[in-house]
Protein backbone atom coordinates (compact mmCIF):
# COMPACT_ATOMS: atom_id res chain seq x y z
CA MET A 1 -8.16 -39.79 -42.13
CA ALA A 2 -9.83 -39.19 -45.46
CA ASP A 3 -9.12 -42.82 -46.48
CA ILE A 4 -11.11 -44.17 -43.52
CA THR A 5 -14.71 -44.96 -44.32
CA ILE A 6 -17.29 -45.09 -41.55
CA SER A 7 -20.94 -45.85 -41.77
CA SER A 8 -23.65 -43.23 -41.72
CA ALA A 9 -24.93 -44.38 -38.36
CA VAL A 10 -21.48 -44.23 -36.75
CA ARG A 11 -20.79 -40.79 -38.31
CA SER A 12 -24.10 -39.45 -37.04
CA ASN A 13 -23.43 -40.65 -33.51
CA LEU A 14 -19.83 -39.31 -33.71
CA ASN A 15 -21.07 -35.86 -34.71
CA ALA A 16 -23.55 -35.90 -31.85
CA LEU A 17 -20.82 -36.88 -29.40
CA GLN A 18 -18.50 -34.15 -30.69
CA SER A 19 -21.24 -31.55 -30.46
CA THR A 20 -22.03 -32.60 -26.90
CA SER A 21 -18.33 -32.36 -26.02
CA GLN A 22 -18.12 -28.81 -27.36
CA LEU A 23 -21.21 -27.79 -25.39
CA MET A 24 -19.78 -29.33 -22.24
CA SER A 25 -16.54 -27.43 -22.75
CA SER A 26 -18.49 -24.19 -23.12
CA VAL A 27 -20.58 -24.86 -20.01
CA GLN A 28 -17.51 -25.82 -18.00
CA GLU A 29 -15.84 -22.52 -18.98
CA LYS A 30 -18.91 -20.60 -17.81
CA LEU A 31 -18.88 -22.44 -14.51
CA ALA A 32 -15.11 -21.92 -14.08
CA THR A 33 -15.21 -18.16 -14.83
CA GLY A 34 -18.69 -17.45 -13.54
CA LYS A 35 -19.41 -15.57 -16.76
CA LYS A 36 -21.62 -16.45 -19.66
CA VAL A 37 -19.77 -13.94 -21.87
CA ASN A 38 -16.01 -14.41 -21.65
CA SER A 39 -14.98 -12.83 -24.93
CA ALA A 40 -16.35 -10.82 -27.82
CA LEU A 41 -16.91 -14.13 -29.66
CA ASP A 42 -19.53 -15.18 -27.10
CA ASN A 43 -21.67 -12.03 -27.49
CA PRO A 44 -20.03 -8.91 -28.99
CA ASN A 45 -22.78 -6.50 -27.92
CA SER A 46 -22.90 -7.67 -24.30
CA PHE A 47 -19.13 -8.00 -24.04
CA PHE A 48 -18.28 -4.47 -25.21
CA THR A 49 -21.18 -2.85 -23.34
CA ALA A 50 -20.10 -4.57 -20.13
CA LYS A 51 -16.48 -3.58 -20.78
CA GLY A 52 -17.49 0.08 -21.08
CA LEU A 53 -19.42 -0.10 -17.81
CA GLU A 54 -16.49 -1.78 -16.05
CA ASN A 55 -14.03 0.82 -17.38
CA ARG A 56 -16.19 3.67 -16.10
CA ALA A 57 -16.52 1.96 -12.73
CA SER A 58 -12.72 1.63 -12.61
CA ASP A 59 -12.23 5.33 -13.42
CA LEU A 60 -14.73 6.35 -10.74
CA SER A 61 -13.04 4.04 -8.26
CA THR A 62 -9.80 5.99 -8.73
CA LEU A 63 -11.68 9.27 -8.17
CA LEU A 64 -13.31 7.73 -5.10
CA ASP A 65 -9.87 7.26 -3.54
CA ASP A 66 -9.06 10.93 -4.24
CA MET A 67 -12.34 12.00 -2.65
CA GLY A 68 -11.50 9.99 0.44
CA GLN A 69 -8.17 11.79 0.77
CA SER A 70 -9.89 15.16 0.26
CA VAL A 71 -12.28 14.31 3.09
CA GLN A 72 -9.29 13.68 5.37
CA THR A 73 -7.70 17.00 4.33
CA LEU A 74 -10.91 18.84 5.19
CA LYS A 75 -11.17 17.03 8.51
CA ALA A 76 -7.59 17.99 9.37
CA ALA A 77 -8.39 21.65 8.62
CA ASP A 78 -11.58 21.48 10.68
CA GLU A 79 -9.71 19.99 13.62
CA GLY A 80 -7.12 22.76 13.26
CA ILE A 81 -9.80 25.46 13.35
CA SER A 82 -11.36 23.87 16.43
CA ALA A 83 -8.01 23.85 18.24
CA ILE A 84 -7.25 27.43 17.15
CA SER A 85 -10.69 28.50 18.46
CA ASP A 86 -9.76 27.08 21.85
CA LEU A 87 -6.53 29.09 21.83
CA VAL A 88 -8.41 32.25 20.85
CA ASP A 89 -10.75 31.62 23.78
CA ALA A 90 -7.69 31.28 26.03
CA ALA A 91 -6.29 34.55 24.68
CA LYS A 92 -9.62 36.23 25.36
CA ALA A 93 -9.58 34.91 28.93
CA LYS A 94 -6.05 36.28 29.32
CA ALA A 95 -7.17 39.75 28.16
CA ASN A 96 -10.10 39.66 30.59
CA GLN A 97 -7.70 38.76 33.39
CA ALA A 98 -5.60 41.80 32.50
CA LEU A 99 -8.72 43.96 32.50
CA GLN A 100 -9.67 42.79 35.98
CA THR A 101 -6.35 43.75 37.56
CA SER A 102 -4.91 47.20 38.09
CA SER A 103 -1.40 45.86 38.56
CA GLN A 104 0.83 46.90 35.68
CA SER A 105 3.26 44.17 36.60
CA GLU A 106 0.52 41.53 36.20
CA ARG A 107 -0.71 43.14 33.01
CA GLN A 108 2.78 42.95 31.59
CA GLN A 109 2.92 39.24 32.43
CA PHE A 110 -0.50 38.64 30.85
CA SER A 111 0.68 40.47 27.73
CA ALA A 112 3.65 38.11 27.37
CA GLU A 113 1.37 35.08 27.86
CA TYR A 114 -1.04 36.47 25.26
CA ASN A 115 1.79 36.74 22.72
CA GLU A 116 2.78 33.13 23.42
CA LEU A 117 -0.80 32.03 22.67
CA LEU A 118 -0.63 33.82 19.30
CA THR A 119 2.63 31.99 18.54
CA GLN A 120 0.93 28.69 19.35
CA ILE A 121 -1.98 29.60 17.05
CA GLU A 122 0.45 30.13 14.17
CA ASP A 123 2.32 26.90 14.92
CA LEU A 124 -0.90 24.94 15.13
CA ALA A 125 -2.07 26.31 11.77
CA LYS A 126 1.22 25.20 10.21
CA ASP A 127 0.68 21.67 11.57
CA ALA A 128 -2.90 21.25 10.30
CA GLY A 129 -1.90 19.76 6.93
CA TYR A 130 -2.62 16.31 5.51
CA LYS A 131 -0.36 14.66 2.93
CA GLY A 132 1.31 17.96 2.07
CA LYS A 133 -1.92 19.94 1.69
CA ASN A 134 -2.79 22.47 4.42
CA LEU A 135 -6.04 24.38 4.01
CA LEU A 136 -4.94 26.70 6.85
CA GLY A 137 -1.53 27.30 5.28
CA GLY A 138 -2.38 30.03 2.78
CA SER A 139 -1.18 30.36 -0.82
CA GLY A 140 -0.51 27.17 -2.77
CA ASN A 141 -2.79 25.00 -0.63
CA ASP A 142 -6.10 25.31 -2.50
CA LEU A 143 -7.83 21.95 -2.90
CA SER A 144 -9.66 20.73 -6.03
CA VAL A 145 -11.87 17.63 -5.88
CA THR A 146 -12.97 15.95 -9.14
CA PHE A 147 -16.25 14.03 -9.07
CA ASN A 148 -16.61 12.48 -12.53
CA GLU A 149 -14.34 10.76 -15.03
CA ASP A 150 -14.23 13.60 -17.59
CA GLY A 151 -13.54 16.30 -14.98
CA THR A 152 -16.62 18.38 -15.78
CA SER A 153 -17.91 18.04 -12.21
CA SER A 154 -15.59 19.28 -9.46
CA LEU A 155 -15.32 21.39 -6.31
CA SER A 156 -12.67 24.04 -5.63
CA ILE A 157 -11.86 24.69 -1.97
CA SER A 158 -9.88 27.84 -1.18
CA SER A 159 -7.33 27.78 1.59
CA VAL A 160 -6.95 30.45 4.27
CA ASP A 161 -3.79 31.68 5.96
CA TYR A 162 -3.74 31.40 9.73
CA THR A 163 0.03 30.81 9.90
CA ASP A 164 0.47 34.57 10.34
CA SER A 165 -1.97 35.65 13.02
CA SER A 166 -1.46 39.33 12.19
CA SER A 167 -2.53 38.95 8.55
CA SER A 168 -5.50 41.16 7.69
CA THR A 169 -6.88 38.37 5.49
CA GLY A 170 -6.60 35.89 8.36
CA LEU A 171 -7.30 36.41 12.05
CA ALA A 172 -5.87 39.96 12.23
CA LEU A 173 -4.43 39.41 15.71
CA SER A 174 -1.20 41.32 16.25
CA ASP A 175 1.36 40.61 18.94
CA LEU A 176 1.17 43.03 21.84
CA ALA A 177 4.04 45.39 22.55
CA SER A 178 6.06 44.17 25.51
CA GLY A 179 6.90 47.70 26.59
CA SER A 180 10.27 49.35 27.07
CA THR A 181 11.96 50.79 30.11
CA GLY A 182 11.27 54.50 30.59
CA SER A 183 12.65 57.19 32.85
CA VAL A 184 12.02 60.61 34.30
CA THR A 185 14.15 62.94 36.44
CA ILE A 186 13.20 64.88 39.55
CA THR A 187 15.42 67.92 40.13
CA LEU A 188 15.62 69.22 43.71
CA GLN A 189 17.10 72.66 44.50
CA ASN A 190 17.72 74.66 47.62
CA GLY A 191 15.47 77.60 48.22
CA SER A 192 18.13 80.27 48.42
CA ALA A 193 18.20 83.25 46.13
CA THR A 194 20.89 81.58 44.08
CA ALA A 195 19.10 78.24 43.75
CA THR A 196 21.45 75.34 43.20
CA ALA A 197 20.98 71.59 43.16
CA LEU A 198 20.87 69.92 46.53
CA ALA A 199 24.29 68.39 46.51
CA THR A 200 23.90 65.54 48.99
CA ALA A 201 21.45 62.71 49.38
CA THR A 202 21.13 63.59 53.06
CA ALA A 203 19.70 67.05 52.29
CA THR A 204 16.11 67.41 53.48
CA LEU A 205 13.29 67.85 51.00
CA THR A 206 11.94 70.88 52.81
CA THR A 207 15.10 72.68 51.74
CA ASP A 208 13.43 72.79 48.30
CA ASN A 209 10.78 75.53 48.27
CA ASP A 210 8.36 73.18 46.44
CA PHE A 211 7.91 71.07 49.56
CA THR A 212 6.86 71.68 53.14
CA ALA A 213 6.33 69.36 56.07
CA GLY A 214 3.00 67.59 55.76
CA ASP A 215 3.04 67.39 51.95
CA THR A 216 2.41 63.95 50.43
CA ILE A 217 4.20 62.47 47.43
CA THR A 218 2.40 59.65 45.59
CA LEU A 219 3.53 57.15 42.95
CA THR A 220 0.89 55.80 40.55
CA ASP A 221 0.89 53.71 37.39
CA SER A 222 -0.93 54.38 34.10
CA THR A 223 -4.18 52.85 35.38
CA GLY A 224 -4.21 55.34 38.25
CA THR A 225 -3.36 52.63 40.77
CA GLU A 226 -1.42 54.05 43.66
CA LEU A 227 1.84 52.18 44.18
CA GLY A 228 2.69 54.04 47.39
CA SER A 229 2.79 57.40 49.15
CA LEU A 230 5.27 59.30 51.27
CA THR A 231 4.41 62.03 53.80
CA ILE A 232 7.15 64.61 54.13
CA ASP A 233 8.35 65.85 57.49
CA ASP A 234 11.25 68.05 58.52
CA THR A 235 13.66 65.08 58.49
CA THR A 236 12.70 63.52 55.13
CA THR A 237 15.78 63.48 52.89
CA ILE A 238 16.40 63.14 49.19
CA GLN A 239 17.59 59.59 49.91
CA ASP A 240 14.28 58.85 51.62
CA LEU A 241 12.39 60.00 48.53
CA SER A 242 14.60 57.92 46.27
CA ASP A 243 14.21 54.86 48.48
CA PHE A 244 10.45 55.33 48.51
CA ILE A 245 10.13 55.48 44.72
CA GLY A 246 12.60 52.67 44.09
CA GLY A 247 10.97 50.42 46.69
CA ALA A 248 7.36 51.07 45.73
CA SER A 249 7.51 48.38 43.07
CA SER A 250 9.88 45.66 41.90
CA ASP A 251 9.62 47.25 38.45
CA THR A 252 11.02 50.65 39.46
CA SER A 253 14.52 51.78 40.42
CA THR A 254 16.20 55.09 41.19
CA SER A 255 19.57 56.75 41.29
CA ILE A 256 20.77 60.09 42.72
CA SER A 257 23.29 62.50 41.26
CA SER A 258 23.78 66.16 42.21
CA GLY A 259 20.27 66.72 43.49
CA VAL A 260 18.65 64.84 40.59
CA ILE A 261 16.71 61.64 41.17
CA THR A 262 16.45 59.51 38.03
CA VAL A 263 13.44 57.17 38.09
CA ASN A 264 13.53 54.09 35.84
CA ALA A 265 10.41 51.92 35.36
CA ASP A 266 9.41 48.97 33.22
CA TYR A 267 6.01 50.57 32.68
CA GLU A 268 4.53 54.05 32.93
CA VAL A 269 4.58 55.55 36.42
CA SER A 270 3.84 59.08 37.62
CA VAL A 271 5.22 61.01 40.57
CA ASP A 272 2.82 63.62 41.95
CA SER A 273 2.34 65.60 45.11
CA ASP A 274 -0.23 67.76 46.81
CA ALA A 275 2.51 70.33 47.22
CA SER A 276 1.39 73.49 45.45
CA GLY A 277 4.69 74.05 43.71
CA PHE A 278 5.22 70.53 42.39
CA THR A 279 4.26 69.51 38.83
CA ALA A 280 3.48 65.85 38.23
CA LEU A 281 6.14 63.93 36.31
CA SER A 282 5.71 60.70 34.29
CA THR A 283 8.23 58.27 32.86
CA SER A 284 8.68 58.42 29.11
CA HIS A 285 8.71 55.13 27.12
CA SER A 286 9.46 54.49 23.45
CA GLU A 287 6.99 51.60 23.59
CA THR A 288 4.24 50.87 26.10
CA ASN A 289 2.89 47.48 27.12
CA GLY A 290 -0.07 46.28 25.03
CA PHE A 291 -2.21 45.81 28.14
CA SER A 292 -1.10 49.00 29.89
CA THR A 293 -4.51 50.69 29.61
CA ASP A 294 -8.09 49.50 29.69
CA ALA A 295 -8.65 51.00 26.24
CA LYS A 296 -5.89 48.84 24.77
CA ILE A 297 -7.33 45.72 26.38
CA GLU A 298 -10.82 46.51 25.12
CA SER A 299 -9.41 46.94 21.61
CA THR A 300 -7.68 43.56 21.87
CA LEU A 301 -10.91 41.93 23.06
CA ASP A 302 -12.73 43.39 20.04
CA SER A 303 -10.07 41.88 17.75
CA LEU A 304 -10.42 38.50 19.45
CA THR A 305 -14.20 38.57 19.02
CA LYS A 306 -13.76 39.28 15.30
CA ALA A 307 -11.23 36.45 15.08
CA GLN A 308 -13.76 34.08 16.68
CA ASP A 309 -16.37 35.14 14.13
CA THR A 310 -13.85 34.55 11.32
CA LEU A 311 -13.05 31.07 12.62
CA ARG A 312 -16.71 30.13 12.97
CA ALA A 313 -17.50 31.34 9.46
CA GLN A 314 -14.54 29.42 8.02
CA ALA A 315 -15.50 26.30 9.97
CA SER A 316 -18.98 26.56 8.46
CA THR A 317 -17.50 26.89 4.96
CA PHE A 318 -15.25 23.87 5.41
CA GLY A 319 -18.19 21.99 6.93
CA THR A 320 -20.27 22.66 3.82
CA ASN A 321 -17.41 21.53 1.59
CA LEU A 322 -16.97 18.38 3.66
CA SER A 323 -20.67 17.59 3.38
CA ILE A 324 -20.54 18.01 -0.41
CA VAL A 325 -17.50 15.75 -0.81
CA GLU A 326 -18.90 13.07 1.51
CA ASN A 327 -22.24 13.06 -0.33
CA ARG A 328 -20.48 12.79 -3.69
CA GLN A 329 -18.34 10.04 -2.23
CA ASP A 330 -21.44 8.06 -1.21
CA PHE A 331 -23.05 8.72 -4.60
CA THR A 332 -19.94 7.63 -6.50
CA ASN A 333 -19.67 4.48 -4.43
CA ALA A 334 -23.32 3.64 -5.18
CA LEU A 335 -22.83 4.44 -8.88
CA ILE A 336 -19.81 2.13 -9.07
CA ASN A 337 -21.93 -0.66 -7.60
CA THR A 338 -24.67 0.08 -10.15
CA LEU A 339 -22.22 -0.01 -13.06
CA GLU A 340 -20.64 -3.25 -11.88
CA GLU A 341 -24.07 -4.79 -11.33
CA GLY A 342 -25.15 -3.74 -14.83
CA ALA A 343 -22.00 -5.24 -16.34
CA GLY A 344 -22.63 -8.40 -14.38
CA LYS A 345 -26.15 -8.74 -15.71
CA LEU A 346 -24.72 -8.71 -19.21
CA THR A 347 -21.90 -11.18 -18.62
CA LEU A 348 -22.41 -13.20 -15.45
CA ALA A 349 -23.65 -16.78 -15.78
CA ASP A 350 -26.43 -18.40 -13.80
CA THR A 351 -24.38 -21.11 -12.12
CA ASN A 352 -27.48 -23.10 -11.18
CA GLU A 353 -28.64 -23.16 -14.76
CA GLU A 354 -25.19 -23.97 -16.10
CA GLY A 355 -24.82 -26.74 -13.55
CA ALA A 356 -28.07 -28.27 -14.73
CA ASN A 357 -26.91 -27.91 -18.33
CA LEU A 358 -23.67 -29.72 -17.53
CA LEU A 359 -25.55 -32.57 -15.87
CA ALA A 360 -27.84 -32.90 -18.89
CA LEU A 361 -24.88 -32.82 -21.26
CA GLN A 362 -23.09 -35.49 -19.26
CA THR A 363 -26.18 -37.70 -19.58
CA GLN A 364 -26.41 -36.85 -23.26
CA GLN A 365 -22.71 -37.66 -23.69
CA SER A 366 -23.19 -41.02 -22.00
CA LEU A 367 -26.12 -41.83 -24.26
CA ALA A 368 -24.21 -40.73 -27.36
CA SER A 369 -21.31 -42.96 -26.39
CA THR A 370 -23.69 -45.93 -25.95
CA SER A 371 -25.39 -45.16 -29.26
CA LEU A 372 -22.02 -44.99 -30.99
CA SER A 373 -21.08 -48.34 -29.53
CA LEU A 374 -24.35 -49.89 -30.79
CA ALA A 375 -23.82 -48.46 -34.27
CA ALA A 376 -20.33 -49.90 -34.36
CA GLN A 377 -21.64 -53.31 -33.29
CA ALA A 378 -24.16 -53.24 -36.14
CA ASP A 379 -21.31 -52.67 -38.61
CA GLN A 380 -19.53 -55.70 -37.16
CA ASN A 381 -22.46 -58.08 -38.10
CA VAL A 382 -20.97 -58.55 -41.54
CA LEU A 383 -18.14 -60.56 -39.97
CA ARG A 384 -20.60 -63.37 -39.13
CA LEU A 385 -20.87 -64.21 -42.81
CA PHE A 386 -17.34 -65.54 -42.79
């Protein structure tokens, strides 16, 4: 190409056309990408500043996802506490039902239902996790939420353990004793000088010097509720007494052997009489039902009230944590938008302006092409001399 000689006018128009072409290419790139700065060559300062803003926005976006998952974990824990509170209320209602009845049989049933509610509380706490993190699951479930890209701003959320309702650091609600079967013996003897056991079940009670016709034998439970009474007459036998005690409640039974009546009961019962020589006898149990006395029920109600206070306090704590994370989530989202907007102001093109530039360049290119054609025609005038 160095051997080709072109005139000054043609070269000038060619340079103008080439320059216009380059400008059009640049404008077309801006319109295609929507950016006025597409590489460090366009504007190093704007390019690298925008890149830093975009990188920070990207880092915060990743943290924003983590915050969203932390919010869900807190919500799962809050829902768990709410459900557990309902079960504690149910347990409290069950204790109040036991307090309002004097029936030991009913109290024993309420005790078993109370224990089932505690089991459900523990199971519910175990199920309150989200993506493997359970804030009600105790050790190893603490939650840490990071708010900025260098980790200097964060929130640590401590878990609690409600999976063991009896834990002193949790709800401190222990299962109630179900109670064990107890027994007591009533020994009946004849009133002779050489007192011996009344050998047969058909022997009358008045044969024993402790009893006389008209005496009354009563059977009561530990609340003092009378389960039944028997008035002795001259024909009342040992078998009659045994049948009376065994039939007074579905939870008692008796047996007779050599003048001895053995009383078995699922809960504490007492046999007493207004007979002057008779000493009250009570069944002995290795373990008594957790609702067997009013004092035990009142103690359980106190524990339930404390458990409710614990749940409300923990719900408040988790609520505060949730509010913090949600606020930081909103702030981070707004900050990401600000960073992306700032990066855009440095690099984004004004498409209206670039469109106008392209139109002007197209006109300029057309004119340059016409001018180049005219210059070439002027060079051809020399041919007319021949």
